[in-house]
Amino acid sequence: MSMVHSRGNKSTEIKFIKLLKKSKITGWRRCFKIVGNPDFVFPKNKMAIFIDGCFWHGCPRHLRLPATNKKYWQQKVASNILRDNRVNKLLKERGWKICRFWEHELMDLKRLSRVIIRENI
């Protein structure tokens, strides 16, 4: 399992792009260079969106650590959570709004679009 690496979350990002297009939400960018490398950014409104994988970011509902090398994975996920918190703090200090969604939340696309529209206005 230590050879498991993130692959860029292609399927979750594509699903999220479809949501944005279907909801006619515009003004977003990908690969926008700011702290934390958000998955999507609305530069005009200073809003950063992160789609966090349940495994890598420690979803309290879905995280299932591998049975082998458990201590390594606990430390890895804990360090990811700390990094996410630091990134949130830095972006907020710089005047950015942050939305973090779990990958499992992509199932409720209507709710996500309402959140984005509400926060992006």
PDB file of N, CA and C in Angstrom:
ATOM      1  N   MET A   1       0.812  -1.207   0.000  1.00  0.00           N
ATOM      2  CA  MET A   1       0.000   0.000   0.000  1.00  0.00           C
ATOM      3  C   MET A   1       0.852   1.266   0.000  1.00  0.00           C
ATOM      4  N   SER A   2       2.095   1.196   0.449  1.00  0.00           N
ATOM      5  CA  SER A   2       2.897   2.415   0.478  1.00  0.00           C
ATOM      6  C   SER A   2       3.204   2.920  -0.924  1.00  0.00           C
ATOM      7  N   MET A   3       2.964   2.098  -1.918  1.00  0.00           N
ATOM      8  CA  MET A   3       3.189   2.517  -3.298  1.00  0.00           C
ATOM      9  C   MET A   3       1.941   3.162  -3.908  1.00  0.00           C
ATOM     10  N   VAL A   4       0.877   3.299  -3.117  1.00  0.00           N
ATOM     11  CA  VAL A   4      -0.348   3.922  -3.596  1.00  0.00           C
ATOM     12  C   VAL A   4      -0.125   5.428  -3.670  1.00  0.00           C
ATOM     13  N   HIS A   5      -0.390   6.002  -4.811  1.00  0.00           N
ATOM     14  CA  HIS A   5      -0.240   7.441  -4.998  1.00  0.00           C
ATOM     15  C   HIS A   5      -1.519   8.003  -5.598  1.00  0.00           C
ATOM     16  N   SER A   6      -1.788   9.245  -5.268  1.00  0.00           N
ATOM     17  CA  SER A   6      -2.943   9.925  -5.842  1.00  0.00           C
ATOM     18  C   SER A   6      -2.736  10.093  -7.341  1.00  0.00           C
ATOM     19  N   ARG A   7      -3.794   9.972  -8.091  1.00  0.00           N
ATOM     20  CA  ARG A   7      -3.695  10.059  -9.547  1.00  0.00           C
ATOM     21  C   ARG A   7      -4.382  11.303 -10.111  1.00  0.00           C
ATOM     22  N   GLY A   8      -4.577  12.314  -9.291  1.00  0.00           N
ATOM     23  CA  GLY A   8      -5.151  13.546  -9.810  1.00  0.00           C
ATOM     24  C   GLY A   8      -6.664  13.626  -9.748  1.00  0.00           C
ATOM     25  N   ASN A   9      -7.302  12.605  -9.210  1.00  0.00           N
ATOM     26  CA  ASN A   9      -8.754  12.622  -9.008  1.00  0.00           C
ATOM     27  C   ASN A   9      -9.525  12.939 -10.279  1.00  0.00           C
ATOM     28  N   LYS A  10      -9.114  12.382 -11.380  1.00  0.00           N
ATOM     29  CA  LYS A  10      -9.730  12.674 -12.674  1.00  0.00           C
ATOM     30  C   LYS A  10     -11.240  12.455 -12.667  1.00  0.00           C
ATOM     31  N   SER A  11     -11.695  11.314 -12.170  1.00  0.00           N
ATOM     32  CA  SER A  11     -13.124  11.010 -12.243  1.00  0.00           C
ATOM     33  C   SER A  11     -13.947  11.975 -11.391  1.00  0.00           C
ATOM     34  N   THR A  12     -13.448  12.334 -10.210  1.00  0.00           N
ATOM     35  CA  THR A  12     -14.191  13.271  -9.363  1.00  0.00           C
ATOM     36  C   THR A  12     -14.192  14.667  -9.973  1.00  0.00           C
ATOM     37  N   GLU A  13     -13.063  15.077 -10.549  1.00  0.00           N
ATOM     38  CA  GLU A  13     -13.004  16.401 -11.164  1.00  0.00           C
ATOM     39  C   GLU A  13     -13.904  16.484 -12.389  1.00  0.00           C
ATOM     40  N   ILE A  14     -13.947  15.441 -13.187  1.00  0.00           N
ATOM     41  CA  ILE A  14     -14.821  15.428 -14.359  1.00  0.00           C
ATOM     42  C   ILE A  14     -16.284  15.499 -13.935  1.00  0.00           C
ATOM     43  N   LYS A  15     -16.626  14.763 -12.891  1.00  0.00           N
ATOM     44  CA  LYS A  15     -18.000  14.794 -12.380  1.00  0.00           C
ATOM     45  C   LYS A  15     -18.348  16.211 -11.899  1.00  0.00           C
ATOM     46  N   PHE A  16     -17.394  16.859 -11.251  1.00  0.00           N
ATOM     47  CA  PHE A  16     -17.624  18.212 -10.744  1.00  0.00           C
ATOM     48  C   PHE A  16     -17.747  19.210 -11.895  1.00  0.00           C
ATOM     49  N   ILE A  17     -16.947  19.049 -12.941  1.00  0.00           N
ATOM     50  CA  ILE A  17     -17.046  19.916 -14.120  1.00  0.00           C
ATOM     51  C   ILE A  17     -18.428  19.785 -14.751  1.00  0.00           C
ATOM     52  N   LYS A  18     -18.926  18.560 -14.843  1.00  0.00           N
ATOM     53  CA  LYS A  18     -20.263  18.346 -15.395  1.00  0.00           C
ATOM     54  C   LYS A  18     -21.315  19.071 -14.555  1.00  0.00           C
ATOM     55  N   LEU A  19     -21.148  19.023 -13.230  1.00  0.00           N
ATOM     56  CA  LEU A  19     -22.067  19.732 -12.336  1.00  0.00           C
ATOM     57  C   LEU A  19     -22.038  21.232 -12.621  1.00  0.00           C
ATOM     58  N   LEU A  20     -20.830  21.804 -12.728  1.00  0.00           N
ATOM     59  CA  LEU A  20     -20.706  23.238 -12.976  1.00  0.00           C
ATOM     60  C   LEU A  20     -21.365  23.627 -14.297  1.00  0.00           C
ATOM     61  N   LYS A  21     -21.125  22.830 -15.321  1.00  0.00           N
ATOM     62  CA  LYS A  21     -21.693  23.137 -16.635  1.00  0.00           C
ATOM     63  C   LYS A  21     -23.212  22.976 -16.638  1.00  0.00           C
ATOM     64  N   LYS A  22     -23.693  21.898 -16.016  1.00  0.00           N
ATOM     65  CA  LYS A  22     -25.135  21.653 -15.966  1.00  0.00           C
ATOM     66  C   LYS A  22     -25.855  22.762 -15.195  1.00  0.00           C
ATOM     67  N   SER A  23     -25.222  23.250 -14.141  1.00  0.00           N
ATOM     68  CA  SER A  23     -25.809  24.309 -13.318  1.00  0.00           C
ATOM     69  C   SER A  23     -25.549  25.698 -13.891  1.00  0.00           C
ATOM     70  N   LYS A  24     -24.857  25.744 -15.039  1.00  0.00           N
ATOM     71  CA  LYS A  24     -24.523  27.002 -15.707  1.00  0.00           C
ATOM     72  C   LYS A  24     -23.739  27.942 -14.790  1.00  0.00           C
ATOM     73  N   ILE A  25     -22.842  27.351 -13.999  1.00  0.00           N
ATOM     74  CA  ILE A  25     -21.963  28.119 -13.126  1.00  0.00           C
ATOM     75  C   ILE A  25     -20.696  28.425 -13.913  1.00  0.00           C
ATOM     76  N   THR A  26     -20.386  29.702 -14.060  1.00  0.00           N
ATOM     77  CA  THR A  26     -19.239  30.111 -14.869  1.00  0.00           C
ATOM     78  C   THR A  26     -18.207  30.845 -14.013  1.00  0.00           C
ATOM     79  N   GLY A  27     -17.069  31.119 -14.635  1.00  0.00           N
ATOM     80  CA  GLY A  27     -16.031  31.901 -13.978  1.00  0.00           C
ATOM     81  C   GLY A  27     -15.010  31.074 -13.219  1.00  0.00           C
ATOM     82  N   TRP A  28     -15.065  29.759 -13.336  1.00  0.00           N
ATOM     83  CA  TRP A  28     -14.142  28.896 -12.611  1.00  0.00           C
ATOM     84  C   TRP A  28     -12.922  28.581 -13.456  1.00  0.00           C
ATOM     85  N   ARG A  29     -11.848  28.277 -12.758  1.00  0.00           N
ATOM     86  CA  ARG A  29     -10.589  27.893 -13.399  1.00  0.00           C
ATOM     87  C   ARG A  29     -10.020  26.667 -12.702  1.00  0.00           C
ATOM     88  N   ARG A  30      -9.245  25.906 -13.450  1.00  0.00           N
ATOM     89  CA  ARG A  30      -8.475  24.789 -12.884  1.00  0.00           C
ATOM     90  C   ARG A  30      -7.003  25.149 -12.981  1.00  0.00           C
ATOM     91  N   CYS A  31      -6.174  24.496 -12.197  1.00  0.00           N
ATOM     92  CA  CYS A  31      -4.728  24.708 -12.228  1.00  0.00           C
ATOM     93  C   CYS A  31      -4.381  26.172 -11.985  1.00  0.00           C
ATOM     94  N   PHE A  32      -5.089  26.821 -11.104  1.00  0.00           N
ATOM     95  CA  PHE A  32      -4.849  28.215 -10.743  1.00  0.00           C
ATOM     96  C   PHE A  32      -3.790  28.229  -9.652  1.00  0.00           C
ATOM     97  N   LYS A  33      -2.758  28.988  -9.820  1.00  0.00           N
ATOM     98  CA  LYS A  33      -1.606  28.954  -8.916  1.00  0.00           C
ATOM     99  C   LYS A  33      -1.834  29.798  -7.655  1.00  0.00           C
ATOM    100  N   ILE A  34      -2.342  29.150  -6.627  1.00  0.00           N
ATOM    101  CA  ILE A  34      -2.412  29.752  -5.291  1.00  0.00           C
ATOM    102  C   ILE A  34      -2.071  28.663  -4.280  1.00  0.00           C
ATOM    103  N   VAL A  35      -1.890  29.081  -3.058  1.00  0.00           N
ATOM    104  CA  VAL A  35      -1.523  28.162  -1.977  1.00  0.00           C
ATOM    105  C   VAL A  35      -2.504  27.001  -1.904  1.00  0.00           C
ATOM    106  N   GLY A  36      -1.999  25.797  -1.795  1.00  0.00           N
ATOM    107  CA  GLY A  36      -2.836  24.625  -1.604  1.00  0.00           C
ATOM    108  C   GLY A  36      -3.305  23.950  -2.875  1.00  0.00           C
ATOM    109  N   ASN A  37      -3.090  24.577  -4.029  1.00  0.00           N
ATOM    110  CA  ASN A  37      -3.517  24.008  -5.311  1.00  0.00           C
ATOM    111  C   ASN A  37      -4.951  23.496  -5.288  1.00  0.00           C
ATOM    112  N   PRO A  38      -5.923  24.389  -5.124  1.00  0.00           N
ATOM    113  CA  PRO A  38      -7.321  23.946  -5.140  1.00  0.00           C
ATOM    114  C   PRO A  38      -7.676  23.294  -6.467  1.00  0.00           C
ATOM    115  N   ASP A  39      -8.678  22.443  -6.441  1.00  0.00           N
ATOM    116  CA  ASP A  39      -9.124  21.771  -7.657  1.00  0.00           C
ATOM    117  C   ASP A  39      -9.814  22.753  -8.607  1.00  0.00           C
ATOM    118  N   PHE A  40     -10.564  23.688  -8.034  1.00  0.00           N
ATOM    119  CA  PHE A  40     -11.269  24.697  -8.822  1.00  0.00           C
ATOM    120  C   PHE A  40     -11.174  26.029  -8.101  1.00  0.00           C
ATOM    121  N   VAL A  41     -11.072  27.107  -8.884  1.00  0.00           N
ATOM    122  CA  VAL A  41     -10.971  28.442  -8.311  1.00  0.00           C
ATOM    123  C   VAL A  41     -11.881  29.381  -9.087  1.00  0.00           C
ATOM    124  N   PHE A  42     -12.567  30.229  -8.347  1.00  0.00           N
ATOM    125  CA  PHE A  42     -13.318  31.329  -8.923  1.00  0.00           C
ATOM    126  C   PHE A  42     -12.521  32.593  -8.595  1.00  0.00           C
ATOM    127  N   PRO A  43     -11.578  32.997  -9.474  1.00  0.00           N
ATOM    128  CA  PRO A  43     -10.668  34.092  -9.149  1.00  0.00           C
ATOM    129  C   PRO A  43     -11.372  35.416  -8.863  1.00  0.00           C
ATOM    130  N   LYS A  44     -12.406  35.733  -9.625  1.00  0.00           N
ATOM    131  CA  LYS A  44     -13.114  37.003  -9.457  1.00  0.00           C
ATOM    132  C   LYS A  44     -13.713  37.126  -8.055  1.00  0.00           C
ATOM    133  N   ASN A  45     -14.237  36.015  -7.546  1.00  0.00           N
ATOM    134  CA  ASN A  45     -14.889  36.007  -6.225  1.00  0.00           C
ATOM    135  C   ASN A  45     -13.965  35.521  -5.113  1.00  0.00           C
ATOM    136  N   LYS A  46     -12.717  35.211  -5.468  1.00  0.00           N
ATOM    137  CA  LYS A  46     -11.737  34.688  -4.509  1.00  0.00           C
ATOM    138  C   LYS A  46     -12.298  33.496  -3.727  1.00  0.00           C
ATOM    139  N   MET A  47     -12.719  32.495  -4.480  1.00  0.00           N
ATOM    140  CA  MET A  47     -13.277  31.282  -3.884  1.00  0.00           C
ATOM    141  C   MET A  47     -12.490  30.076  -4.382  1.00  0.00           C
ATOM    142  N   ALA A  48     -12.021  29.260  -3.437  1.00  0.00           N
ATOM    143  CA  ALA A  48     -11.266  28.049  -3.761  1.00  0.00           C
ATOM    144  C   ALA A  48     -12.091  26.832  -3.371  1.00  0.00           C
ATOM    145  N   ILE A  49     -12.145  25.854  -4.289  1.00  0.00           N
ATOM    146  CA  ILE A  49     -12.897  24.627  -4.039  1.00  0.00           C
ATOM    147  C   ILE A  49     -11.941  23.444  -4.065  1.00  0.00           C
ATOM    148  N   PHE A  50     -12.031  22.640  -3.025  1.00  0.00           N
ATOM    149  CA  PHE A  50     -11.241  21.425  -2.919  1.00  0.00           C
ATOM    150  C   PHE A  50     -12.186  20.238  -2.905  1.00  0.00           C
ATOM    151  N   ILE A  51     -11.876  19.217  -3.691  1.00  0.00           N
ATOM    152  CA  ILE A  51     -12.625  17.970  -3.650  1.00  0.00           C
ATOM    153  C   ILE A  51     -11.695  16.968  -2.979  1.00  0.00           C
ATOM    154  N   ASP A  52     -11.986  16.652  -1.727  1.00  0.00           N
ATOM    155  CA  ASP A  52     -11.106  15.799  -0.934  1.00  0.00           C
ATOM    156  C   ASP A  52     -11.512  14.338  -1.048  1.00  0.00           C
ATOM    157  N   GLY A  53     -10.542  13.511  -1.394  1.00  0.00           N
ATOM    158  CA  GLY A  53     -10.762  12.071  -1.441  1.00  0.00           C
ATOM    159  C   GLY A  53     -10.961  11.518  -0.037  1.00  0.00           C
ATOM    160  N   CYS A  54     -11.917  10.634   0.113  1.00  0.00           N
ATOM    161  CA  CYS A  54     -12.243  10.091   1.438  1.00  0.00           C
ATOM    162  C   CYS A  54     -11.043   9.380   2.066  1.00  0.00           C
ATOM    163  N   PHE A  55     -10.273   8.656   1.280  1.00  0.00           N
ATOM    164  CA  PHE A  55      -9.121   7.942   1.827  1.00  0.00           C
ATOM    165  C   PHE A  55      -7.999   8.897   2.193  1.00  0.00           C
ATOM    166  N   TRP A  56      -7.575   9.731   1.271  1.00  0.00           N
ATOM    167  CA  TRP A  56      -6.385  10.564   1.466  1.00  0.00           C
ATOM    168  C   TRP A  56      -6.573  11.673   2.481  1.00  0.00           C
ATOM    169  N   HIS A  57      -7.802  12.128   2.669  1.00  0.00           N
ATOM    170  CA  HIS A  57      -8.040  13.270   3.556  1.00  0.00           C
ATOM    171  C   HIS A  57      -8.766  12.891   4.841  1.00  0.00           C
ATOM    172  N   GLY A  58      -8.985  11.599   5.071  1.00  0.00           N
ATOM    173  CA  GLY A  58      -9.503  11.125   6.351  1.00  0.00           C
ATOM    174  C   GLY A  58     -10.973  11.372   6.588  1.00  0.00           C
ATOM    175  N   CYS A  59     -11.803  11.055   5.620  1.00  0.00           N
ATOM    176  CA  CYS A  59     -13.247  11.210   5.786  1.00  0.00           C
ATOM    177  C   CYS A  59     -13.714  10.411   7.010  1.00  0.00           C
ATOM    178  N   PRO A  60     -14.366  11.083   7.967  1.00  0.00           N
ATOM    179  CA  PRO A  60     -14.804  10.358   9.162  1.00  0.00           C
ATOM    180  C   PRO A  60     -15.844   9.279   8.865  1.00  0.00           C
ATOM    181  N   ARG A  61     -16.544   9.422   7.748  1.00  0.00           N
ATOM    182  CA  ARG A  61     -17.581   8.458   7.396  1.00  0.00           C
ATOM    183  C   ARG A  61     -17.027   7.251   6.628  1.00  0.00           C
ATOM    184  N   HIS A  62     -16.033   7.465   5.757  1.00  0.00           N
ATOM    185  CA  HIS A  62     -15.614   6.405   4.845  1.00  0.00           C
ATOM    186  C   HIS A  62     -14.177   5.928   4.970  1.00  0.00           C
ATOM    187  N   LEU A  63     -13.360   6.577   5.771  1.00  0.00           N
ATOM    188  CA  LEU A  63     -11.957   6.176   5.854  1.00  0.00           C
ATOM    189  C   LEU A  63     -11.823   4.766   6.417  1.00  0.00           C
ATOM    190  N   ARG A  64     -11.169   3.913   5.655  1.00  0.00           N
ATOM    191  CA  ARG A  64     -10.838   2.557   6.090  1.00  0.00           C
ATOM    192  C   ARG A  64      -9.359   2.366   5.823  1.00  0.00           C
ATOM    193  N   LEU A  65      -8.577   2.402   6.885  1.00  0.00           N
ATOM    194  CA  LEU A  65      -7.134   2.253   6.730  1.00  0.00           C
ATOM    195  C   LEU A  65      -6.793   0.816   6.391  1.00  0.00           C
ATOM    196  N   PRO A  66      -5.761   0.605   5.586  1.00  0.00           N
ATOM    197  CA  PRO A  66      -5.317  -0.759   5.285  1.00  0.00           C
ATOM    198  C   PRO A  66      -4.891  -1.477   6.565  1.00  0.00           C
ATOM    199  N   ALA A  67      -5.057  -2.766   6.590  1.00  0.00           N
ATOM    200  CA  ALA A  67      -4.705  -3.561   7.776  1.00  0.00           C
ATOM    201  C   ALA A  67      -3.194  -3.621   7.968  1.00  0.00           C
ATOM    202  N   THR A  68      -2.452  -3.584   6.888  1.00  0.00           N
ATOM    203  CA  THR A  68      -0.990  -3.641   6.998  1.00  0.00           C
ATOM    204  C   THR A  68      -0.428  -2.234   7.066  1.00  0.00           C
ATOM    205  N   ASN A  69       0.633  -2.085   7.850  1.00  0.00           N
ATOM    206  CA  ASN A  69       1.348  -0.818   7.986  1.00  0.00           C
ATOM    207  C   ASN A  69       0.418   0.306   8.456  1.00  0.00           C
ATOM    208  N   LYS A  70      -0.428  -0.026   9.394  1.00  0.00           N
ATOM    209  CA  LYS A  70      -1.471   0.890   9.856  1.00  0.00           C
ATOM    210  C   LYS A  70      -0.902   2.196  10.414  1.00  0.00           C
ATOM    211  N   LYS A  71       0.201   2.098  11.149  1.00  0.00           N
ATOM    212  CA  LYS A  71       0.796   3.302  11.742  1.00  0.00           C
ATOM    213  C   LYS A  71       1.218   4.291  10.650  1.00  0.00           C
ATOM    214  N   TYR A  72       1.819   3.797   9.577  1.00  0.00           N
ATOM    215  CA  TYR A  72       2.224   4.654   8.462  1.00  0.00           C
ATOM    216  C   TYR A  72       1.022   5.400   7.905  1.00  0.00           C
ATOM    217  N   TRP A  73      -0.079   4.674   7.655  1.00  0.00           N
ATOM    218  CA  TRP A  73      -1.250   5.281   7.050  1.00  0.00           C
ATOM    219  C   TRP A  73      -1.938   6.263   7.991  1.00  0.00           C
ATOM    220  N   GLN A  74      -1.943   5.964   9.289  1.00  0.00           N
ATOM    221  CA  GLN A  74      -2.506   6.912  10.253  1.00  0.00           C
ATOM    222  C   GLN A  74      -1.732   8.233  10.225  1.00  0.00           C
ATOM    223  N   GLN A  75      -0.401   8.126  10.193  1.00  0.00           N
ATOM    224  CA  GLN A  75       0.429   9.334  10.149  1.00  0.00           C
ATOM    225  C   GLN A  75       0.240  10.086   8.836  1.00  0.00           C
ATOM    226  N   LYS A  76       0.156   9.344   7.735  1.00  0.00           N
ATOM    227  CA  LYS A  76      -0.014   9.962   6.422  1.00  0.00           C
ATOM    228  C   LYS A  76      -1.316  10.745   6.351  1.00  0.00           C
ATOM    229  N   VAL A  77      -2.407  10.135   6.761  1.00  0.00           N
ATOM    230  CA  VAL A  77      -3.710  10.801   6.713  1.00  0.00           C
ATOM    231  C   VAL A  77      -3.730  11.983   7.691  1.00  0.00           C
ATOM    232  N   ALA A  78      -3.162  11.809   8.877  1.00  0.00           N
ATOM    233  CA  ALA A  78      -3.104  12.895   9.864  1.00  0.00           C
ATOM    234  C   ALA A  78      -2.309  14.084   9.322  1.00  0.00           C
ATOM    235  N   SER A  79      -1.212  13.829   8.630  1.00  0.00           N
ATOM    236  CA  SER A  79      -0.425  14.935   8.074  1.00  0.00           C
ATOM    237  C   SER A  79      -1.191  15.625   6.939  1.00  0.00           C
ATOM    238  N   ASN A  80      -1.962  14.872   6.175  1.00  0.00           N
ATOM    239  CA  ASN A  80      -2.792  15.487   5.131  1.00  0.00           C
ATOM    240  C   ASN A  80      -3.842  16.404   5.743  1.00  0.00           C
ATOM    241  N   ILE A  81      -4.448  15.973   6.846  1.00  0.00           N
ATOM    242  CA  ILE A  81      -5.463  16.784   7.529  1.00  0.00           C
ATOM    243  C   ILE A  81      -4.841  18.067   8.073  1.00  0.00           C
ATOM    244  N   LEU A  82      -3.660  17.958   8.670  1.00  0.00           N
ATOM    245  CA  LEU A  82      -2.959  19.151   9.171  1.00  0.00           C
ATOM    246  C   LEU A  82      -2.635  20.114   8.034  1.00  0.00           C
ATOM    247  N   ARG A  83      -2.168  19.578   6.915  1.00  0.00           N
ATOM    248  CA  ARG A  83      -1.856  20.419   5.756  1.00  0.00           C
ATOM    249  C   ARG A  83      -3.114  21.121   5.253  1.00  0.00           C
ATOM    250  N   ASP A  84      -4.231  20.394   5.182  1.00  0.00           N
ATOM    251  CA  ASP A  84      -5.493  20.996   4.738  1.00  0.00           C
ATOM    252  C   ASP A  84      -5.883  22.160   5.653  1.00  0.00           C
ATOM    253  N   ASN A  85      -5.712  21.976   6.953  1.00  0.00           N
ATOM    254  CA  ASN A  85      -6.043  23.034   7.921  1.00  0.00           C
ATOM    255  C   ASN A  85      -5.141  24.252   7.746  1.00  0.00           C
ATOM    256  N   ARG A  86      -3.843  24.012   7.506  1.00  0.00           N
ATOM    257  CA  ARG A  86      -2.906  25.128   7.275  1.00  0.00           C
ATOM    258  C   ARG A  86      -3.280  25.887   6.003  1.00  0.00           C
ATOM    259  N   VAL A  87      -3.601  25.153   4.961  1.00  0.00           N
ATOM    260  CA  VAL A  87      -3.991  25.776   3.691  1.00  0.00           C
ATOM    261  C   VAL A  87      -5.258  26.608   3.884  1.00  0.00           C
ATOM    262  N   ASN A  88      -6.248  26.063   4.570  1.00  0.00           N
ATOM    263  CA  ASN A  88      -7.488  26.806   4.837  1.00  0.00           C
ATOM    264  C   ASN A  88      -7.181  28.118   5.549  1.00  0.00           C
ATOM    265  N   LYS A  89      -6.347  28.038   6.569  1.00  0.00           N
ATOM    266  CA  LYS A  89      -6.001  29.225   7.362  1.00  0.00           C
ATOM    267  C   LYS A  89      -5.294  30.272   6.507  1.00  0.00           C
ATOM    268  N   LEU A  90      -4.314  29.837   5.713  1.00  0.00           N
ATOM    269  CA  LEU A  90      -3.579  30.768   4.851  1.00  0.00           C
ATOM    270  C   LEU A  90      -4.497  31.448   3.845  1.00  0.00           C
ATOM    271  N   LEU A  91      -5.338  30.675   3.197  1.00  0.00           N
ATOM    272  CA  LEU A  91      -6.239  31.255   2.199  1.00  0.00           C
ATOM    273  C   LEU A  91      -7.231  32.227   2.845  1.00  0.00           C
ATOM    274  N   LYS A  92      -7.761  31.864   3.999  1.00  0.00           N
ATOM    275  CA  LYS A  92      -8.700  32.761   4.684  1.00  0.00           C
ATOM    276  C   LYS A  92      -8.011  34.060   5.075  1.00  0.00           C
ATOM    277  N   GLU A  93      -6.764  33.971   5.536  1.00  0.00           N
ATOM    278  CA  GLU A  93      -6.006  35.174   5.890  1.00  0.00           C
ATOM    279  C   GLU A  93      -5.806  36.078   4.674  1.00  0.00           C
ATOM    280  N   ARG A  94      -5.774  35.493   3.503  1.00  0.00           N
ATOM    281  CA  ARG A  94      -5.581  36.251   2.264  1.00  0.00           C
ATOM    282  C   ARG A  94      -6.906  36.658   1.617  1.00  0.00           C
ATOM    283  N   GLY A  95      -8.007  36.440   2.339  1.00  0.00           N
ATOM    284  CA  GLY A  95      -9.305  36.905   1.866  1.00  0.00           C
ATOM    285  C   GLY A  95     -10.063  35.952   0.957  1.00  0.00           C
ATOM    286  N   TRP A  96      -9.674  34.686   0.928  1.00  0.00           N
ATOM    287  CA  TRP A  96     -10.339  33.698   0.079  1.00  0.00           C
ATOM    288  C   TRP A  96     -11.439  32.986   0.851  1.00  0.00           C
ATOM    289  N   LYS A  97     -12.508  32.623   0.123  1.00  0.00           N
ATOM    290  CA  LYS A  97     -13.539  31.733   0.660  1.00  0.00           C
ATOM    291  C   LYS A  97     -13.130  30.318   0.267  1.00  0.00           C
ATOM    292  N   ILE A  98     -13.341  29.376   1.157  1.00  0.00           N
ATOM    293  CA  ILE A  98     -12.952  27.989   0.897  1.00  0.00           C
ATOM    294  C   ILE A  98     -14.167  27.091   1.008  1.00  0.00           C
ATOM    295  N   CYS A  99     -14.324  26.218   0.026  1.00  0.00           N
ATOM    296  CA  CYS A  99     -15.326  25.157   0.085  1.00  0.00           C
ATOM    297  C   CYS A  99     -14.583  23.843  -0.079  1.00  0.00           C
ATOM    298  N   ARG A 100     -14.793  22.947   0.841  1.00  0.00           N
ATOM    299  CA  ARG A 100     -14.220  21.607   0.753  1.00  0.00           C
ATOM    300  C   ARG A 100     -15.364  20.613   0.699  1.00  0.00           C
ATOM    301  N   PHE A 101     -15.307  19.754  -0.311  1.00  0.00           N
ATOM    302  CA  PHE A 101     -16.314  18.714  -0.470  1.00  0.00           C
ATOM    303  C   PHE A 101     -15.624  17.364  -0.420  1.00  0.00           C
ATOM    304  N   TRP A 102     -16.261  16.405   0.227  1.00  0.00           N
ATOM    305  CA  TRP A 102     -15.780  15.027   0.186  1.00  0.00           C
ATOM    306  C   TRP A 102     -16.169  14.424  -1.151  1.00  0.00           C
ATOM    307  N   GLU A 103     -15.379  13.490  -1.616  1.00  0.00           N
ATOM    308  CA  GLU A 103     -15.701  12.863  -2.903  1.00  0.00           C
ATOM    309  C   GLU A 103     -17.076  12.197  -2.871  1.00  0.00           C
ATOM    310  N   HIS A 104     -17.488  11.661  -1.715  1.00  0.00           N
ATOM    311  CA  HIS A 104     -18.806  11.019  -1.660  1.00  0.00           C
ATOM    312  C   HIS A 104     -19.944  12.032  -1.769  1.00  0.00           C
ATOM    313  N   GLU A 105     -19.667  13.303  -1.512  1.00  0.00           N
ATOM    314  CA  GLU A 105     -20.699  14.332  -1.621  1.00  0.00           C
ATOM    315  C   GLU A 105     -21.042  14.654  -3.075  1.00  0.00           C
ATOM    316  N   LEU A 106     -20.235  14.187  -4.006  1.00  0.00           N
ATOM    317  CA  LEU A 106     -20.516  14.425  -5.418  1.00  0.00           C
ATOM    318  C   LEU A 106     -21.763  13.676  -5.882  1.00  0.00           C
ATOM    319  N   MET A 107     -22.281  12.800  -5.036  1.00  0.00           N
ATOM    320  CA  MET A 107     -23.504  12.080  -5.380  1.00  0.00           C
ATOM    321  C   MET A 107     -24.721  13.004  -5.326  1.00  0.00           C
ATOM    322  N   ASP A 108     -24.653  14.047  -4.491  1.00  0.00           N
ATOM    323  CA  ASP A 108     -25.771  14.982  -4.340  1.00  0.00           C
ATOM    324  C   ASP A 108     -25.425  16.281  -5.070  1.00  0.00           C
ATOM    325  N   LEU A 109     -25.505  16.240  -6.385  1.00  0.00           N
ATOM    326  CA  LEU A 109     -25.080  17.366  -7.205  1.00  0.00           C
ATOM    327  C   LEU A 109     -25.949  18.611  -7.008  1.00  0.00           C
ATOM    328  N   LYS A 110     -27.222  18.427  -6.720  1.00  0.00           N
ATOM    329  CA  LYS A 110     -28.103  19.587  -6.503  1.00  0.00           C
ATOM    330  C   LYS A 110     -27.659  20.378  -5.277  1.00  0.00           C
ATOM    331  N   ARG A 111     -27.344  19.666  -4.213  1.00  0.00           N
ATOM    332  CA  ARG A 111     -26.883  20.335  -3.001  1.00  0.00           C
ATOM    333  C   ARG A 111     -25.573  21.071  -3.240  1.00  0.00           C
ATOM    334  N   LEU A 112     -24.650  20.438  -3.938  1.00  0.00           N
ATOM    335  CA  LEU A 112     -23.359  21.072  -4.218  1.00  0.00           C
ATOM    336  C   LEU A 112     -23.540  22.346  -5.034  1.00  0.00           C
ATOM    337  N   SER A 113     -24.385  22.296  -6.042  1.00  0.00           N
ATOM    338  CA  SER A 113     -24.575  23.493  -6.866  1.00  0.00           C
ATOM    339  C   SER A 113     -25.199  24.620  -6.044  1.00  0.00           C
ATOM    340  N   ARG A 114     -26.121  24.288  -5.133  1.00  0.00           N
ATOM    341  CA  ARG A 114     -26.698  25.324  -4.260  1.00  0.00           C
ATOM    342  C   ARG A 114     -25.626  25.950  -3.384  1.00  0.00           C
ATOM    343  N   VAL A 115     -24.746  25.130  -2.819  1.00  0.00           N
ATOM    344  CA  VAL A 115     -23.665  25.643  -1.967  1.00  0.00           C
ATOM    345  C   VAL A 115     -22.751  26.571  -2.756  1.00  0.00           C
ATOM    346  N   ILE A 116     -22.364  26.135  -3.945  1.00  0.00           N
ATOM    347  CA  ILE A 116     -21.443  26.947  -4.769  1.00  0.00           C
ATOM    348  C   ILE A 116     -22.096  28.263  -5.162  1.00  0.00           C
ATOM    349  N   ILE A 117     -23.338  28.214  -5.596  1.00  0.00           N
ATOM    350  CA  ILE A 117     -24.029  29.443  -5.987  1.00  0.00           C
ATOM    351  C   ILE A 117     -24.163  30.372  -4.792  1.00  0.00           C
ATOM    352  N   ARG A 118     -24.546  29.835  -3.649  1.00  0.00           N
ATOM    353  CA  ARG A 118     -24.720  30.651  -2.440  1.00  0.00           C
ATOM    354  C   ARG A 118     -23.393  31.297  -2.033  1.00  0.00           C
ATOM    355  N   GLU A 119     -22.310  30.539  -2.028  1.00  0.00           N
ATOM    356  CA  GLU A 119     -21.014  31.044  -1.586  1.00  0.00           C
ATOM    357  C   GLU A 119     -20.353  31.942  -2.624  1.00  0.00           C
ATOM    358  N   ASN A 120     -20.710  31.798  -3.858  1.00  0.00           N
ATOM    359  CA  ASN A 120     -20.029  32.497  -4.942  1.00  0.00           C
ATOM    360  C   ASN A 120     -20.673  33.839  -5.281  1.00  0.00           C
ATOM    361  N   ILE A 121     -21.762  34.163  -4.613  1.00  0.00           N
ATOM    362  CA  ILE A 121     -22.467  35.424  -4.911  1.00  0.00           C
ATOM    363  C   ILE A 121     -21.938  36.522  -4.039  1.00  0.00           C
TER     364      ILE A 121
END
